[in-house]
Amino acid sequence: MSMGLTFPLCIALGFFLGRWIGGRFGHPAIGQWAGLIWGISAAFWELYKVNRRMAKRDAEELKRLDDGKGPHE
């Protein structure tokens, strides 16, 4: 999933799920804030994972180029 969709989906899902769960326990405001924090954390965790995956791929590509091989050899 693209990062352009991941961020808003994680944040919105966290917000609304937190509000719903908080409402079930009688504290929707606390639930929505907890869910919002959870959603933002999940979005940044996904960004971190994508960044690590891209850095690894870039390092492998640089190694191949330094070895004198083409991009797809």
PDB file of N, CA and C in Angstrom:
ATOM      1  N   MET A   1       0.855  -1.166   0.000  1.00  0.00           N
ATOM      2  CA  MET A   1       0.000   0.000   0.000  1.00  0.00           C
ATOM      3  C   MET A   1       0.902   1.230   0.000  1.00  0.00           C
ATOM      4  N   SER A   2       0.507   2.235  -0.718  1.00  0.00           N
ATOM      5  CA  SER A   2       1.342   3.430  -0.800  1.00  0.00           C
ATOM      6  C   SER A   2       1.294   4.214   0.510  1.00  0.00           C
ATOM      7  N   MET A   3       2.351   4.951   0.748  1.00  0.00           N
ATOM      8  CA  MET A   3       2.427   5.734   1.979  1.00  0.00           C
ATOM      9  C   MET A   3       1.365   6.833   1.989  1.00  0.00           C
ATOM     10  N   GLY A   4       0.962   7.289   0.800  1.00  0.00           N
ATOM     11  CA  GLY A   4      -0.072   8.313   0.726  1.00  0.00           C
ATOM     12  C   GLY A   4      -1.409   7.835   1.262  1.00  0.00           C
ATOM     13  N   LEU A   5      -1.650   6.541   1.202  1.00  0.00           N
ATOM     14  CA  LEU A   5      -2.879   5.975   1.761  1.00  0.00           C
ATOM     15  C   LEU A   5      -2.670   5.449   3.171  1.00  0.00           C
ATOM     16  N   THR A   6      -1.472   4.977   3.458  1.00  0.00           N
ATOM     17  CA  THR A   6      -1.204   4.359   4.751  1.00  0.00           C
ATOM     18  C   THR A   6      -1.379   5.347   5.897  1.00  0.00           C
ATOM     19  N   PHE A   7      -0.819   6.542   5.755  1.00  0.00           N
ATOM     20  CA  PHE A   7      -0.901   7.519   6.842  1.00  0.00           C
ATOM     21  C   PHE A   7      -2.340   7.881   7.202  1.00  0.00           C
ATOM     22  N   PRO A   8      -3.145   8.346   6.252  1.00  0.00           N
ATOM     23  CA  PRO A   8      -4.506   8.722   6.651  1.00  0.00           C
ATOM     24  C   PRO A   8      -5.352   7.538   7.110  1.00  0.00           C
ATOM     25  N   LEU A   9      -5.148   6.370   6.519  1.00  0.00           N
ATOM     26  CA  LEU A   9      -5.932   5.207   6.942  1.00  0.00           C
ATOM     27  C   LEU A   9      -5.590   4.787   8.364  1.00  0.00           C
ATOM     28  N   CYS A  10      -4.306   4.736   8.683  1.00  0.00           N
ATOM     29  CA  CYS A  10      -3.900   4.365  10.045  1.00  0.00           C
ATOM     30  C   CYS A  10      -4.432   5.362  11.066  1.00  0.00           C
ATOM     31  N   ILE A  11      -4.306   6.633  10.754  1.00  0.00           N
ATOM     32  CA  ILE A  11      -4.739   7.662  11.697  1.00  0.00           C
ATOM     33  C   ILE A  11      -6.255   7.654  11.858  1.00  0.00           C
ATOM     34  N   ALA A  12      -6.980   7.590  10.754  1.00  0.00           N
ATOM     35  CA  ALA A  12      -8.444   7.589  10.836  1.00  0.00           C
ATOM     36  C   ALA A  12      -8.953   6.323  11.518  1.00  0.00           C
ATOM     37  N   LEU A  13      -8.385   5.186  11.162  1.00  0.00           N
ATOM     38  CA  LEU A  13      -8.814   3.933  11.779  1.00  0.00           C
ATOM     39  C   LEU A  13      -8.534   3.946  13.280  1.00  0.00           C
ATOM     40  N   GLY A  14      -7.368   4.408  13.672  1.00  0.00           N
ATOM     41  CA  GLY A  14      -7.042   4.504  15.091  1.00  0.00           C
ATOM     42  C   GLY A  14      -7.986   5.443  15.825  1.00  0.00           C
ATOM     43  N   PHE A  15      -8.274   6.586  15.228  1.00  0.00           N
ATOM     44  CA  PHE A  15      -9.158   7.567  15.849  1.00  0.00           C
ATOM     45  C   PHE A  15     -10.557   6.990  16.065  1.00  0.00           C
ATOM     46  N   PHE A  16     -11.141   6.449  14.999  1.00  0.00           N
ATOM     47  CA  PHE A  16     -12.523   5.977  15.099  1.00  0.00           C
ATOM     48  C   PHE A  16     -12.647   4.690  15.920  1.00  0.00           C
ATOM     49  N   LEU A  17     -11.677   3.800  15.817  1.00  0.00           N
ATOM     50  CA  LEU A  17     -11.723   2.607  16.669  1.00  0.00           C
ATOM     51  C   LEU A  17     -11.540   2.985  18.138  1.00  0.00           C
ATOM     52  N   GLY A  18     -10.630   3.913  18.406  1.00  0.00           N
ATOM     53  CA  GLY A  18     -10.436   4.366  19.773  1.00  0.00           C
ATOM     54  C   GLY A  18     -11.676   5.042  20.328  1.00  0.00           C
ATOM     55  N   ARG A  19     -12.343   5.825  19.502  1.00  0.00           N
ATOM     56  CA  ARG A  19     -13.572   6.489  19.940  1.00  0.00           C
ATOM     57  C   ARG A  19     -14.669   5.461  20.223  1.00  0.00           C
ATOM     58  N   TRP A  20     -14.759   4.455  19.348  1.00  0.00           N
ATOM     59  CA  TRP A  20     -15.775   3.422  19.534  1.00  0.00           C
ATOM     60  C   TRP A  20     -15.502   2.610  20.807  1.00  0.00           C
ATOM     61  N   ILE A  21     -14.249   2.181  20.971  1.00  0.00           N
ATOM     62  CA  ILE A  21     -13.893   1.404  22.167  1.00  0.00           C
ATOM     63  C   ILE A  21     -14.063   2.258  23.422  1.00  0.00           C
ATOM     64  N   GLY A  22     -13.630   3.508  23.360  1.00  0.00           N
ATOM     65  CA  GLY A  22     -13.812   4.410  24.499  1.00  0.00           C
ATOM     66  C   GLY A  22     -15.281   4.621  24.827  1.00  0.00           C
ATOM     67  N   GLY A  23     -16.121   4.704  23.800  1.00  0.00           N
ATOM     68  CA  GLY A  23     -17.553   4.856  24.014  1.00  0.00           C
ATOM     69  C   GLY A  23     -18.170   3.641  24.685  1.00  0.00           C
ATOM     70  N   ARG A  24     -17.636   2.466  24.379  1.00  0.00           N
ATOM     71  CA  ARG A  24     -18.131   1.241  25.012  1.00  0.00           C
ATOM     72  C   ARG A  24     -17.827   1.235  26.510  1.00  0.00           C
ATOM     73  N   PHE A  25     -16.748   1.904  26.894  1.00  0.00           N
ATOM     74  CA  PHE A  25     -16.370   1.982  28.306  1.00  0.00           C
ATOM     75  C   PHE A  25     -16.799   3.293  28.961  1.00  0.00           C
ATOM     76  N   GLY A  26     -17.508   4.128  28.211  1.00  0.00           N
ATOM     77  CA  GLY A  26     -18.030   5.375  28.768  1.00  0.00           C
ATOM     78  C   GLY A  26     -17.086   6.562  28.703  1.00  0.00           C
ATOM     79  N   HIS A  27     -15.984   6.447  27.959  1.00  0.00           N
ATOM     80  CA  HIS A  27     -15.019   7.550  27.850  1.00  0.00           C
ATOM     81  C   HIS A  27     -14.570   7.713  26.398  1.00  0.00           C
ATOM     82  N   PRO A  28     -15.461   8.198  25.514  1.00  0.00           N
ATOM     83  CA  PRO A  28     -15.082   8.284  24.099  1.00  0.00           C
ATOM     84  C   PRO A  28     -13.931   9.250  23.826  1.00  0.00           C
ATOM     85  N   ALA A  29     -13.814  10.324  24.599  1.00  0.00           N
ATOM     86  CA  ALA A  29     -12.736  11.293  24.364  1.00  0.00           C
ATOM     87  C   ALA A  29     -11.371  10.676  24.656  1.00  0.00           C
ATOM     88  N   ILE A  30     -11.281   9.950  25.750  1.00  0.00           N
ATOM     89  CA  ILE A  30     -10.012   9.298  26.085  1.00  0.00           C
ATOM     90  C   ILE A  30      -9.679   8.232  25.041  1.00  0.00           C
ATOM     91  N   GLY A  31     -10.702   7.487  24.629  1.00  0.00           N
ATOM     92  CA  GLY A  31     -10.496   6.454  23.611  1.00  0.00           C
ATOM     93  C   GLY A  31     -10.041   7.027  22.288  1.00  0.00           C
ATOM     94  N   GLN A  32     -10.629   8.162  21.871  1.00  0.00           N
ATOM     95  CA  GLN A  32     -10.237   8.726  20.587  1.00  0.00           C
ATOM     96  C   GLN A  32      -8.812   9.248  20.626  1.00  0.00           C
ATOM     97  N   TRP A  33      -8.387   9.817  21.752  1.00  0.00           N
ATOM     98  CA  TRP A  33      -7.001  10.275  21.848  1.00  0.00           C
ATOM     99  C   TRP A  33      -6.025   9.101  21.873  1.00  0.00           C
ATOM    100  N   ALA A  34      -6.377   8.062  22.606  1.00  0.00           N
ATOM    101  CA  ALA A  34      -5.517   6.873  22.635  1.00  0.00           C
ATOM    102  C   ALA A  34      -5.449   6.232  21.249  1.00  0.00           C
ATOM    103  N   GLY A  35      -6.582   6.152  20.575  1.00  0.00           N
ATOM    104  CA  GLY A  35      -6.611   5.596  19.223  1.00  0.00           C
ATOM    105  C   GLY A  35      -5.841   6.444  18.237  1.00  0.00           C
ATOM    106  N   LEU A  36      -5.943   7.759  18.390  1.00  0.00           N
ATOM    107  CA  LEU A  36      -5.210   8.662  17.506  1.00  0.00           C
ATOM    108  C   LEU A  36      -3.703   8.476  17.680  1.00  0.00           C
ATOM    109  N   ILE A  37      -3.259   8.397  18.912  1.00  0.00           N
ATOM    110  CA  ILE A  37      -1.835   8.166  19.175  1.00  0.00           C
ATOM    111  C   ILE A  37      -1.399   6.825  18.610  1.00  0.00           C
ATOM    112  N   TRP A  38      -2.240   5.806  18.801  1.00  0.00           N
ATOM    113  CA  TRP A  38      -1.932   4.481  18.254  1.00  0.00           C
ATOM    114  C   TRP A  38      -1.852   4.532  16.727  1.00  0.00           C
ATOM    115  N   GLY A  39      -2.793   5.224  16.082  1.00  0.00           N
ATOM    116  CA  GLY A  39      -2.804   5.321  14.623  1.00  0.00           C
ATOM    117  C   GLY A  39      -1.587   6.051  14.086  1.00  0.00           C
ATOM    118  N   ILE A  40      -1.206   7.140  14.735  1.00  0.00           N
ATOM    119  CA  ILE A  40      -0.017   7.883  14.315  1.00  0.00           C
ATOM    120  C   ILE A  40       1.233   7.022  14.496  1.00  0.00           C
ATOM    121  N   SER A  41       1.303   6.304  15.605  1.00  0.00           N
ATOM    122  CA  SER A  41       2.443   5.410  15.844  1.00  0.00           C
ATOM    123  C   SER A  41       2.512   4.317  14.786  1.00  0.00           C
ATOM    124  N   ALA A  42       1.378   3.748  14.445  1.00  0.00           N
ATOM    125  CA  ALA A  42       1.344   2.698  13.421  1.00  0.00           C
ATOM    126  C   ALA A  42       1.778   3.247  12.064  1.00  0.00           C
ATOM    127  N   ALA A  43       1.356   4.458  11.733  1.00  0.00           N
ATOM    128  CA  ALA A  43       1.737   5.067  10.458  1.00  0.00           C
ATOM    129  C   ALA A  43       3.248   5.311  10.394  1.00  0.00           C
ATOM    130  N   PHE A  44       3.821   5.827  11.469  1.00  0.00           N
ATOM    131  CA  PHE A  44       5.264   6.067  11.463  1.00  0.00           C
ATOM    132  C   PHE A  44       6.060   4.769  11.515  1.00  0.00           C
ATOM    133  N   TRP A  45       5.522   3.738  12.143  1.00  0.00           N
ATOM    134  CA  TRP A  45       6.185   2.431  12.139  1.00  0.00           C
ATOM    135  C   TRP A  45       6.239   1.887  10.710  1.00  0.00           C
ATOM    136  N   GLU A  46       5.158   2.035   9.972  1.00  0.00           N
ATOM    137  CA  GLU A  46       5.137   1.596   8.576  1.00  0.00           C
ATOM    138  C   GLU A  46       6.130   2.399   7.744  1.00  0.00           C
ATOM    139  N   LEU A  47       6.222   3.702   7.990  1.00  0.00           N
ATOM    140  CA  LEU A  47       7.200   4.536   7.294  1.00  0.00           C
ATOM    141  C   LEU A  47       8.618   4.056   7.589  1.00  0.00           C
ATOM    142  N   TYR A  48       8.893   3.712   8.833  1.00  0.00           N
ATOM    143  CA  TYR A  48      10.207   3.204   9.227  1.00  0.00           C
ATOM    144  C   TYR A  48      10.526   1.900   8.487  1.00  0.00           C
ATOM    145  N   LYS A  49       9.548   0.996   8.417  1.00  0.00           N
ATOM    146  CA  LYS A  49       9.781  -0.279   7.728  1.00  0.00           C
ATOM    147  C   LYS A  49      10.035  -0.074   6.237  1.00  0.00           C
ATOM    148  N   VAL A  50       9.289   0.808   5.609  1.00  0.00           N
ATOM    149  CA  VAL A  50       9.488   1.090   4.188  1.00  0.00           C
ATOM    150  C   VAL A  50      10.860   1.712   3.977  1.00  0.00           C
ATOM    151  N   ASN A  51      11.261   2.619   4.847  1.00  0.00           N
ATOM    152  CA  ASN A  51      12.564   3.263   4.741  1.00  0.00           C
ATOM    153  C   ASN A  51      13.692   2.235   4.846  1.00  0.00           C
ATOM    154  N   ARG A  52      13.580   1.312   5.790  1.00  0.00           N
ATOM    155  CA  ARG A  52      14.618   0.274   5.936  1.00  0.00           C
ATOM    156  C   ARG A  52      14.679  -0.620   4.705  1.00  0.00           C
ATOM    157  N   ARG A  53      13.518  -0.993   4.170  1.00  0.00           N
ATOM    158  CA  ARG A  53      13.469  -1.854   2.989  1.00  0.00           C
ATOM    159  C   ARG A  53      14.097  -1.146   1.787  1.00  0.00           C
ATOM    160  N   MET A  54      13.805   0.138   1.620  1.00  0.00           N
ATOM    161  CA  MET A  54      14.372   0.887   0.502  1.00  0.00           C
ATOM    162  C   MET A  54      15.870   1.096   0.672  1.00  0.00           C
ATOM    163  N   ALA A  55      16.326   1.347   1.896  1.00  0.00           N
ATOM    164  CA  ALA A  55      17.757   1.522   2.143  1.00  0.00           C
ATOM    165  C   ALA A  55      18.514   0.237   1.836  1.00  0.00           C
ATOM    166  N   LYS A  56      17.932  -0.893   2.208  1.00  0.00           N
ATOM    167  CA  LYS A  56      18.571  -2.184   1.923  1.00  0.00           C
ATOM    168  C   LYS A  56      18.653  -2.412   0.417  1.00  0.00           C
ATOM    169  N   ARG A  57      17.570  -2.113  -0.283  1.00  0.00           N
ATOM    170  CA  ARG A  57      17.564  -2.298  -1.735  1.00  0.00           C
ATOM    171  C   ARG A  57      18.570  -1.366  -2.404  1.00  0.00           C
ATOM    172  N   ASP A  58      18.668  -0.125  -1.926  1.00  0.00           N
ATOM    173  CA  ASP A  58      19.640   0.815  -2.484  1.00  0.00           C
ATOM    174  C   ASP A  58      21.076   0.352  -2.233  1.00  0.00           C
ATOM    175  N   ALA A  59      21.334  -0.178  -1.044  1.00  0.00           N
ATOM    176  CA  ALA A  59      22.677  -0.668  -0.735  1.00  0.00           C
ATOM    177  C   ALA A  59      23.048  -1.839  -1.633  1.00  0.00           C
ATOM    178  N   GLU A  60      22.095  -2.732  -1.883  1.00  0.00           N
ATOM    179  CA  GLU A  60      22.356  -3.859  -2.777  1.00  0.00           C
ATOM    180  C   GLU A  60      22.619  -3.383  -4.200  1.00  0.00           C
ATOM    181  N   GLU A  61      21.859  -2.388  -4.639  1.00  0.00           N
ATOM    182  CA  GLU A  61      22.046  -1.843  -5.978  1.00  0.00           C
ATOM    183  C   GLU A  61      23.413  -1.171  -6.107  1.00  0.00           C
ATOM    184  N   LEU A  62      23.828  -0.411  -5.098  1.00  0.00           N
ATOM    185  CA  LEU A  62      25.156   0.210  -5.131  1.00  0.00           C
ATOM    186  C   LEU A  62      26.260  -0.830  -5.155  1.00  0.00           C
ATOM    187  N   LYS A  63      26.078  -1.918  -4.421  1.00  0.00           N
ATOM    188  CA  LYS A  63      27.078  -2.980  -4.415  1.00  0.00           C
ATOM    189  C   LYS A  63      27.189  -3.613  -5.790  1.00  0.00           C
ATOM    190  N   ARG A  64      26.044  -3.854  -6.443  1.00  0.00           N
ATOM    191  CA  ARG A  64      26.064  -4.428  -7.789  1.00  0.00           C
ATOM    192  C   ARG A  64      26.753  -3.488  -8.760  1.00  0.00           C
ATOM    193  N   LEU A  65      26.483  -2.178  -8.651  1.00  0.00           N
ATOM    194  CA  LEU A  65      27.112  -1.220  -9.548  1.00  0.00           C
ATOM    195  C   LEU A  65      28.607  -1.120  -9.300  1.00  0.00           C
ATOM    196  N   ASP A  66      29.024  -1.212  -8.032  1.00  0.00           N
ATOM    197  CA  ASP A  66      30.453  -1.175  -7.711  1.00  0.00           C
ATOM    198  C   ASP A  66      31.168  -2.422  -8.223  1.00  0.00           C
ATOM    199  N   ASP A  67      30.462  -3.525  -8.297  1.00  0.00           N
ATOM    200  CA  ASP A  67      31.045  -4.758  -8.834  1.00  0.00           C
ATOM    201  C   ASP A  67      31.117  -4.750 -10.344  1.00  0.00           C
ATOM    202  N   GLY A  68      30.583  -3.729 -10.983  1.00  0.00           N
ATOM    203  CA  GLY A  68      30.660  -3.606 -12.428  1.00  0.00           C
ATOM    204  C   GLY A  68      29.523  -4.277 -13.169  1.00  0.00           C
ATOM    205  N   LYS A  69      28.505  -4.680 -12.458  1.00  0.00           N
ATOM    206  CA  LYS A  69      27.366  -5.313 -13.097  1.00  0.00           C
ATOM    207  C   LYS A  69      26.301  -4.267 -13.366  1.00  0.00           C
ATOM    208  N   GLY A  70      25.463  -4.552 -14.333  1.00  0.00           N
ATOM    209  CA  GLY A  70      24.352  -3.650 -14.648  1.00  0.00           C
ATOM    210  C   GLY A  70      23.254  -3.759 -13.601  1.00  0.00           C
ATOM    211  N   PRO A  71      22.237  -2.966 -13.730  1.00  0.00           N
ATOM    212  CA  PRO A  71      21.168  -2.957 -12.754  1.00  0.00           C
ATOM    213  C   PRO A  71      20.364  -4.253 -12.682  1.00  0.00           C
ATOM    214  N   HIS A  72      20.305  -5.024 -13.756  1.00  0.00           N
ATOM    215  CA  HIS A  72      19.480  -6.238 -13.760  1.00  0.00           C
ATOM    216  C   HIS A  72      20.265  -7.471 -14.179  1.00  0.00           C
ATOM    217  N   GLU A  73      21.533  -7.493 -13.893  1.00  0.00           N
ATOM    218  CA  GLU A  73      22.338  -8.668 -14.272  1.00  0.00           C
ATOM    219  C   GLU A  73      22.528  -9.599 -13.117  1.00  0.00           C
TER     220      GLU A  73
END
